[in-house]
PDB file of N, CA and C in Angstrom:
ATOM      1  N   UNK A   1     -17.307 -25.098  17.385  1.00  0.00           N
ATOM      2  CA  UNK A   1     -17.173 -25.201  15.978  1.00  0.00           C
ATOM      3  C   UNK A   1     -18.423 -24.695  15.336  1.00  0.00           C
ATOM      4  N   UNK A   2     -18.345 -23.815  14.406  1.00  0.00           N
ATOM      5  CA  UNK A   2     -19.468 -23.193  13.755  1.00  0.00           C
ATOM      6  C   UNK A   2     -19.804 -23.819  12.415  1.00  0.00           C
ATOM      7  N   UNK A   3     -20.989 -24.367  12.279  1.00  0.00           N
ATOM      8  CA  UNK A   3     -21.417 -25.023  11.028  1.00  0.00           C
ATOM      9  C   UNK A   3     -22.605 -24.352  10.423  1.00  0.00           C
ATOM     10  N   UNK A   4     -22.730 -23.038  10.559  1.00  0.00           N
ATOM     11  CA  UNK A   4     -23.781 -22.267   9.937  1.00  0.00           C
ATOM     12  C   UNK A   4     -23.410 -22.177   8.466  1.00  0.00           C
ATOM     13  N   UNK A   5     -24.086 -22.976   7.639  1.00  0.00           N
ATOM     14  CA  UNK A   5     -23.710 -23.032   6.194  1.00  0.00           C
ATOM     15  C   UNK A   5     -24.646 -22.084   5.466  1.00  0.00           C
ATOM     16  N   UNK A   6     -24.050 -21.495   4.404  1.00  0.00           N
ATOM     17  CA  UNK A   6     -24.897 -20.650   3.510  1.00  0.00           C
ATOM     18  C   UNK A   6     -25.802 -21.557   2.669  1.00  0.00           C
ATOM     19  N   UNK A   7     -26.811 -21.069   2.080  1.00  0.00           N
ATOM     20  CA  UNK A   7     -27.651 -21.881   1.205  1.00  0.00           C
ATOM     21  C   UNK A   7     -26.860 -22.616   0.127  1.00  0.00           C
ATOM     22  N   UNK A   8     -25.874 -21.910  -0.402  1.00  0.00           N
ATOM     23  CA  UNK A   8     -25.056 -22.534  -1.506  1.00  0.00           C
ATOM     24  C   UNK A   8     -24.259 -23.705  -0.957  1.00  0.00           C
ATOM     25  N   UNK A   9     -23.695 -23.564   0.281  1.00  0.00           N
ATOM     26  CA  UNK A   9     -22.962 -24.599   0.851  1.00  0.00           C
ATOM     27  C   UNK A   9     -23.871 -25.761   1.250  1.00  0.00           C
ATOM     28  N   UNK A  10     -25.041 -25.479   1.770  1.00  0.00           N
ATOM     29  CA  UNK A  10     -26.006 -26.543   2.054  1.00  0.00           C
ATOM     30  C   UNK A  10     -26.375 -27.327   0.832  1.00  0.00           C
ATOM     31  N   UNK A  11     -26.520 -26.640  -0.324  1.00  0.00           N
ATOM     32  CA  UNK A  11     -26.879 -27.373  -1.574  1.00  0.00           C
ATOM     33  C   UNK A  11     -25.691 -28.217  -2.027  1.00  0.00           C
ATOM     34  N   UNK A  12     -24.519 -27.681  -1.889  1.00  0.00           N
ATOM     35  CA  UNK A  12     -23.286 -28.445  -2.309  1.00  0.00           C
ATOM     36  C   UNK A  12     -23.163 -29.708  -1.456  1.00  0.00           C
ATOM     37  N   UNK A  13     -23.413 -29.512  -0.133  1.00  0.00           N
ATOM     38  CA  UNK A  13     -23.271 -30.679   0.740  1.00  0.00           C
ATOM     39  C   UNK A  13     -24.355 -31.723   0.492  1.00  0.00           C
ATOM     40  N   UNK A  14     -25.593 -31.216   0.215  1.00  0.00           N
ATOM     41  CA  UNK A  14     -26.604 -32.160  -0.170  1.00  0.00           C
ATOM     42  C   UNK A  14     -26.334 -32.919  -1.482  1.00  0.00           C
ATOM     43  N   UNK A  15     -25.839 -32.145  -2.456  1.00  0.00           N
ATOM     44  CA  UNK A  15     -25.521 -32.788  -3.734  1.00  0.00           C
ATOM     45  C   UNK A  15     -24.402 -33.847  -3.536  1.00  0.00           C
ATOM     46  N   UNK A  16     -23.327 -33.486  -2.769  1.00  0.00           N
ATOM     47  CA  UNK A  16     -22.233 -34.452  -2.606  1.00  0.00           C
ATOM     48  C   UNK A  16     -22.709 -35.704  -1.804  1.00  0.00           C
ATOM     49  N   UNK A  17     -23.449 -35.510  -0.754  1.00  0.00           N
ATOM     50  CA  UNK A  17     -24.004 -36.597   0.071  1.00  0.00           C
ATOM     51  C   UNK A  17     -24.901 -37.494  -0.810  1.00  0.00           C
ATOM     52  N   UNK A  18     -25.738 -36.848  -1.609  1.00  0.00           N
ATOM     53  CA  UNK A  18     -26.682 -37.581  -2.466  1.00  0.00           C
ATOM     54  C   UNK A  18     -25.922 -38.500  -3.380  1.00  0.00           C
ATOM     55  N   UNK A  19     -24.881 -38.017  -4.037  1.00  0.00           N
ATOM     56  CA  UNK A  19     -24.102 -38.792  -4.910  1.00  0.00           C
ATOM     57  C   UNK A  19     -23.390 -39.927  -4.215  1.00  0.00           C
ATOM     58  N   UNK A  20     -22.788 -39.586  -3.047  1.00  0.00           N
ATOM     59  CA  UNK A  20     -21.975 -40.594  -2.301  1.00  0.00           C
ATOM     60  C   UNK A  20     -22.888 -41.669  -1.744  1.00  0.00           C
ATOM     61  N   UNK A  21     -24.078 -41.316  -1.267  1.00  0.00           N
ATOM     62  CA  UNK A  21     -24.884 -42.323  -0.554  1.00  0.00           C
ATOM     63  C   UNK A  21     -25.907 -42.946  -1.466  1.00  0.00           C
ATOM     64  N   UNK A  22     -26.064 -42.469  -2.700  1.00  0.00           N
ATOM     65  CA  UNK A  22     -27.077 -42.975  -3.650  1.00  0.00           C
ATOM     66  C   UNK A  22     -28.519 -42.735  -3.194  1.00  0.00           C
ATOM     67  N   UNK A  23     -28.718 -41.617  -2.516  1.00  0.00           N
ATOM     68  CA  UNK A  23     -30.052 -41.283  -1.944  1.00  0.00           C
ATOM     69  C   UNK A  23     -30.370 -39.885  -2.669  1.00  0.00           C
ATOM     70  N   UNK A  24     -31.603 -39.768  -3.119  1.00  0.00           N
ATOM     71  CA  UNK A  24     -31.910 -38.580  -3.869  1.00  0.00           C
ATOM     72  C   UNK A  24     -31.735 -37.357  -2.931  1.00  0.00           C
ATOM     73  N   UNK A  25     -31.430 -36.237  -3.557  1.00  0.00           N
ATOM     74  CA  UNK A  25     -31.241 -34.965  -2.862  1.00  0.00           C
ATOM     75  C   UNK A  25     -32.418 -34.575  -2.113  1.00  0.00           C
ATOM     76  N   UNK A  26     -33.605 -34.769  -2.693  1.00  0.00           N
ATOM     77  CA  UNK A  26     -34.815 -34.396  -2.060  1.00  0.00           C
ATOM     78  C   UNK A  26     -35.119 -35.220  -0.811  1.00  0.00           C
ATOM     79  N   UNK A  27     -34.806 -36.499  -0.872  1.00  0.00           N
ATOM     80  CA  UNK A  27     -34.987 -37.396   0.355  1.00  0.00           C
ATOM     81  C   UNK A  27     -34.061 -36.944   1.421  1.00  0.00           C
ATOM     82  N   UNK A  28     -32.810 -36.631   1.124  1.00  0.00           N
ATOM     83  CA  UNK A  28     -31.900 -36.115   2.095  1.00  0.00           C
ATOM     84  C   UNK A  28     -32.337 -34.791   2.732  1.00  0.00           C
ATOM     85  N   UNK A  29     -32.788 -33.880   1.909  1.00  0.00           N
ATOM     86  CA  UNK A  29     -33.250 -32.669   2.387  1.00  0.00           C
ATOM     87  C   UNK A  29     -34.429 -32.767   3.299  1.00  0.00           C
ATOM     88  N   UNK A  30     -35.372 -33.620   2.897  1.00  0.00           N
ATOM     89  CA  UNK A  30     -36.517 -33.855   3.751  1.00  0.00           C
ATOM     90  C   UNK A  30     -36.141 -34.585   5.053  1.00  0.00           C
ATOM     91  N   UNK A  31     -35.207 -35.493   4.951  1.00  0.00           N
ATOM     92  CA  UNK A  31     -34.747 -36.195   6.190  1.00  0.00           C
ATOM     93  C   UNK A  31     -34.102 -35.237   7.128  1.00  0.00           C
ATOM     94  N   UNK A  32     -33.241 -34.342   6.604  1.00  0.00           N
ATOM     95  CA  UNK A  32     -32.576 -33.332   7.472  1.00  0.00           C
ATOM     96  C   UNK A  32     -33.598 -32.415   8.086  1.00  0.00           C
ATOM     97  N   UNK A  33     -34.595 -32.027   7.346  1.00  0.00           N
ATOM     98  CA  UNK A  33     -35.584 -31.079   7.848  1.00  0.00           C
ATOM     99  C   UNK A  33     -36.419 -31.737   8.932  1.00  0.00           C
ATOM    100  N   UNK A  34     -36.724 -33.017   8.777  1.00  0.00           N
ATOM    101  CA  UNK A  34     -37.618 -33.718   9.699  1.00  0.00           C
ATOM    102  C   UNK A  34     -36.844 -34.581  10.717  1.00  0.00           C
ATOM    103  N   UNK A  35     -35.489 -34.490  10.698  1.00  0.00           N
ATOM    104  CA  UNK A  35     -34.650 -35.275  11.607  1.00  0.00           C
ATOM    105  C   UNK A  35     -35.004 -36.711  11.500  1.00  0.00           C
ATOM    106  N   UNK A  36     -35.093 -37.277  10.328  1.00  0.00           N
ATOM    107  CA  UNK A  36     -35.473 -38.613  10.041  1.00  0.00           C
ATOM    108  C   UNK A  36     -34.245 -39.413   9.608  1.00  0.00           C
ATOM    109  N   UNK A  37     -33.795 -40.320  10.422  1.00  0.00           N
ATOM    110  CA  UNK A  37     -32.582 -41.073  10.172  1.00  0.00           C
ATOM    111  C   UNK A  37     -32.895 -42.292   9.322  1.00  0.00           C
ATOM    112  N   UNK A  38     -34.149 -42.629   9.125  1.00  0.00           N
ATOM    113  CA  UNK A  38     -34.560 -43.733   8.344  1.00  0.00           C
ATOM    114  C   UNK A  38     -34.066 -43.786   6.926  1.00  0.00           C
ATOM    115  N   UNK A  39     -33.825 -42.605   6.380  1.00  0.00           N
ATOM    116  CA  UNK A  39     -33.396 -42.480   4.954  1.00  0.00           C
ATOM    117  C   UNK A  39     -32.001 -43.121   4.814  1.00  0.00           C
ATOM    118  N   UNK A  40     -31.245 -43.231   5.879  1.00  0.00           N
ATOM    119  CA  UNK A  40     -29.904 -43.827   5.759  1.00  0.00           C
ATOM    120  C   UNK A  40     -29.915 -45.367   5.795  1.00  0.00           C
ATOM    121  N   UNK A  41     -31.082 -45.941   5.986  1.00  0.00           N
ATOM    122  CA  UNK A  41     -31.160 -47.371   5.978  1.00  0.00           C
ATOM    123  C   UNK A  41     -30.590 -48.050   7.237  1.00  0.00           C
ATOM    124  N   UNK A  42     -30.590 -49.323   7.249  1.00  0.00           N
ATOM    125  CA  UNK A  42     -30.198 -50.093   8.451  1.00  0.00           C
ATOM    126  C   UNK A  42     -28.717 -50.051   8.676  1.00  0.00           C
ATOM    127  N   UNK A  43     -27.897 -49.787   7.694  1.00  0.00           N
ATOM    128  CA  UNK A  43     -26.445 -49.819   7.814  1.00  0.00           C
ATOM    129  C   UNK A  43     -25.968 -48.540   8.432  1.00  0.00           C
ATOM    130  N   UNK A  44     -26.306 -47.403   7.940  1.00  0.00           N
ATOM    131  CA  UNK A  44     -25.784 -46.126   8.420  1.00  0.00           C
ATOM    132  C   UNK A  44     -26.549 -45.544   9.599  1.00  0.00           C
ATOM    133  N   UNK A  45     -27.796 -45.872   9.731  1.00  0.00           N
ATOM    134  CA  UNK A  45     -28.593 -45.276  10.828  1.00  0.00           C
ATOM    135  C   UNK A  45     -28.079 -45.456  12.203  1.00  0.00           C
ATOM    136  N   UNK A  46     -27.555 -46.618  12.577  1.00  0.00           N
ATOM    137  CA  UNK A  46     -26.998 -46.719  13.970  1.00  0.00           C
ATOM    138  C   UNK A  46     -25.819 -45.821  14.174  1.00  0.00           C
ATOM    139  N   UNK A  47     -24.972 -45.654  13.190  1.00  0.00           N
ATOM    140  CA  UNK A  47     -23.787 -44.773  13.339  1.00  0.00           C
ATOM    141  C   UNK A  47     -24.265 -43.311  13.437  1.00  0.00           C
ATOM    142  N   UNK A  48     -25.213 -42.942  12.581  1.00  0.00           N
ATOM    143  CA  UNK A  48     -25.707 -41.533  12.639  1.00  0.00           C
ATOM    144  C   UNK A  48     -26.403 -41.333  13.997  1.00  0.00           C
ATOM    145  N   UNK A  49     -27.116 -42.250  14.410  1.00  0.00           N
ATOM    146  CA  UNK A  49     -27.903 -42.148  15.686  1.00  0.00           C
ATOM    147  C   UNK A  49     -26.915 -42.055  16.859  1.00  0.00           C
ATOM    148  N   UNK A  50     -25.800 -42.766  16.769  1.00  0.00           N
ATOM    149  CA  UNK A  50     -24.777 -42.697  17.789  1.00  0.00           C
ATOM    150  C   UNK A  50     -24.267 -41.259  17.941  1.00  0.00           C
ATOM    151  N   UNK A  51     -23.936 -40.629  16.809  1.00  0.00           N
ATOM    152  CA  UNK A  51     -23.489 -39.222  16.880  1.00  0.00           C
ATOM    153  C   UNK A  51     -24.601 -38.283  17.270  1.00  0.00           C
ATOM    154  N   UNK A  52     -25.790 -38.552  16.826  1.00  0.00           N
ATOM    155  CA  UNK A  52     -26.930 -37.627  17.249  1.00  0.00           C
ATOM    156  C   UNK A  52     -27.140 -37.705  18.746  1.00  0.00           C
ATOM    157  N   UNK A  53     -26.904 -38.858  19.368  1.00  0.00           N
ATOM    158  CA  UNK A  53     -27.150 -38.995  20.807  1.00  0.00           C
ATOM    159  C   UNK A  53     -25.945 -38.632  21.674  1.00  0.00           C
ATOM    160  N   UNK A  54     -24.832 -38.420  21.079  1.00  0.00           N
ATOM    161  CA  UNK A  54     -23.613 -38.117  21.861  1.00  0.00           C
ATOM    162  C   UNK A  54     -22.940 -36.930  21.366  1.00  0.00           C
ATOM    163  N   UNK A  55     -23.277 -35.721  21.913  1.00  0.00           N
ATOM    164  CA  UNK A  55     -22.575 -34.455  21.481  1.00  0.00           C
ATOM    165  C   UNK A  55     -21.034 -34.566  21.574  1.00  0.00           C
ATOM    166  N   UNK A  56     -20.541 -35.262  22.627  1.00  0.00           N
ATOM    167  CA  UNK A  56     -19.106 -35.345  22.800  1.00  0.00           C
ATOM    168  C   UNK A  56     -18.498 -36.109  21.665  1.00  0.00           C
ATOM    169  N   UNK A  57     -19.066 -37.226  21.274  1.00  0.00           N
ATOM    170  CA  UNK A  57     -18.593 -38.032  20.167  1.00  0.00           C
ATOM    171  C   UNK A  57     -18.652 -37.262  18.826  1.00  0.00           C
ATOM    172  N   UNK A  58     -19.788 -36.543  18.714  1.00  0.00           N
ATOM    173  CA  UNK A  58     -19.894 -35.724  17.458  1.00  0.00           C
ATOM    174  C   UNK A  58     -18.783 -34.657  17.426  1.00  0.00           C
ATOM    175  N   UNK A  59     -18.558 -33.982  18.522  1.00  0.00           N
ATOM    176  CA  UNK A  59     -17.549 -32.986  18.594  1.00  0.00           C
ATOM    177  C   UNK A  59     -16.151 -33.567  18.288  1.00  0.00           C
ATOM    178  N   UNK A  60     -15.901 -34.766  18.812  1.00  0.00           N
ATOM    179  CA  UNK A  60     -14.627 -35.447  18.576  1.00  0.00           C
ATOM    180  C   UNK A  60     -14.512 -35.765  17.077  1.00  0.00           C
ATOM    181  N   UNK A  61     -15.587 -36.271  16.497  1.00  0.00           N
ATOM    182  CA  UNK A  61     -15.601 -36.597  15.043  1.00  0.00           C
ATOM    183  C   UNK A  61     -15.328 -35.344  14.232  1.00  0.00           C
ATOM    184  N   UNK A  62     -16.016 -34.275  14.546  1.00  0.00           N
ATOM    185  CA  UNK A  62     -15.926 -33.020  13.771  1.00  0.00           C
ATOM    186  C   UNK A  62     -14.592 -32.293  13.996  1.00  0.00           C
ATOM    187  N   UNK A  63     -13.932 -32.585  15.146  1.00  0.00           N
ATOM    188  CA  UNK A  63     -12.620 -31.946  15.462  1.00  0.00           C
ATOM    189  C   UNK A  63     -11.480 -32.670  14.786  1.00  0.00           C
ATOM    190  N   UNK A  64     -11.684 -33.856  14.223  1.00  0.00           N
ATOM    191  CA  UNK A  64     -10.587 -34.625  13.656  1.00  0.00           C
ATOM    192  C   UNK A  64     -10.197 -33.920  12.306  1.00  0.00           C
ATOM    193  N   UNK A  65      -8.904 -33.504  12.159  1.00  0.00           N
ATOM    194  CA  UNK A  65      -8.450 -32.779  10.964  1.00  0.00           C
ATOM    195  C   UNK A  65      -8.856 -33.491   9.663  1.00  0.00           C
ATOM    196  N   UNK A  66      -8.823 -34.805   9.611  1.00  0.00           N
ATOM    197  CA  UNK A  66      -9.161 -35.521   8.367  1.00  0.00           C
ATOM    198  C   UNK A  66     -10.627 -35.272   8.044  1.00  0.00           C
ATOM    199  N   UNK A  67     -11.504 -35.377   9.034  1.00  0.00           N
ATOM    200  CA  UNK A  67     -12.933 -35.152   8.832  1.00  0.00           C
ATOM    201  C   UNK A  67     -13.235 -33.738   8.514  1.00  0.00           C
ATOM    202  N   UNK A  68     -12.492 -32.773   9.112  1.00  0.00           N
ATOM    203  CA  UNK A  68     -12.646 -31.369   8.809  1.00  0.00           C
ATOM    204  C   UNK A  68     -12.316 -31.097   7.338  1.00  0.00           C
ATOM    205  N   UNK A  69     -11.219 -31.767   6.882  1.00  0.00           N
ATOM    206  CA  UNK A  69     -10.837 -31.606   5.470  1.00  0.00           C
ATOM    207  C   UNK A  69     -11.877 -32.071   4.495  1.00  0.00           C
ATOM    208  N   UNK A  70     -12.479 -33.235   4.878  1.00  0.00           N
ATOM    209  CA  UNK A  70     -13.558 -33.757   4.033  1.00  0.00           C
ATOM    210  C   UNK A  70     -14.768 -32.832   3.974  1.00  0.00           C
ATOM    211  N   UNK A  71     -15.121 -32.366   5.138  1.00  0.00           N
ATOM    212  CA  UNK A  71     -16.298 -31.414   5.257  1.00  0.00           C
ATOM    213  C   UNK A  71     -16.046 -30.178   4.512  1.00  0.00           C
ATOM    214  N   UNK A  72     -14.791 -29.599   4.649  1.00  0.00           N
ATOM    215  CA  UNK A  72     -14.423 -28.400   3.967  1.00  0.00           C
ATOM    216  C   UNK A  72     -14.553 -28.598   2.447  1.00  0.00           C
ATOM    217  N   UNK A  73     -14.000 -29.777   1.955  1.00  0.00           N
ATOM    218  CA  UNK A  73     -14.020 -30.072   0.546  1.00  0.00           C
ATOM    219  C   UNK A  73     -15.534 -30.198   0.104  1.00  0.00           C
ATOM    220  N   UNK A  74     -16.324 -30.842   0.844  1.00  0.00           N
ATOM    221  CA  UNK A  74     -17.739 -30.969   0.493  1.00  0.00           C
ATOM    222  C   UNK A  74     -18.512 -29.687   0.359  1.00  0.00           C
ATOM    223  N   UNK A  75     -18.159 -28.744   1.185  1.00  0.00           N
ATOM    224  CA  UNK A  75     -18.903 -27.464   1.195  1.00  0.00           C
ATOM    225  C   UNK A  75     -18.221 -26.441   0.346  1.00  0.00           C
ATOM    226  N   UNK A  76     -17.176 -26.884  -0.359  1.00  0.00           N
ATOM    227  CA  UNK A  76     -16.518 -25.971  -1.301  1.00  0.00           C
ATOM    228  C   UNK A  76     -15.545 -25.015  -0.762  1.00  0.00           C
ATOM    229  N   UNK A  77     -14.977 -25.377   0.398  1.00  0.00           N
ATOM    230  CA  UNK A  77     -13.962 -24.499   0.990  1.00  0.00           C
ATOM    231  C   UNK A  77     -12.535 -24.901   0.768  1.00  0.00           C
ATOM    232  N   UNK A  78     -12.293 -25.855  -0.152  1.00  0.00           N
ATOM    233  CA  UNK A  78     -10.872 -26.198  -0.339  1.00  0.00           C
ATOM    234  C   UNK A  78     -10.625 -27.431  -1.108  1.00  0.00           C
TER     235      UNK A  78
END
């Protein structure tokens, strides 16, 4: 699965995630750049860490049609 996003798609994804999570866009961008899961807080960090540590689980998550539809919507593809 190819997730090479254009800068425009990256910005759209950051904006959508920022609004959904209530975390500033800048914090999310810095967290992504520095691989810092702390920005997600104690609730989301364990789940994010789970997927970060398990490529098979991440692939399963990303292969789910419902999740693909959400991702596609977030990056402006549908």
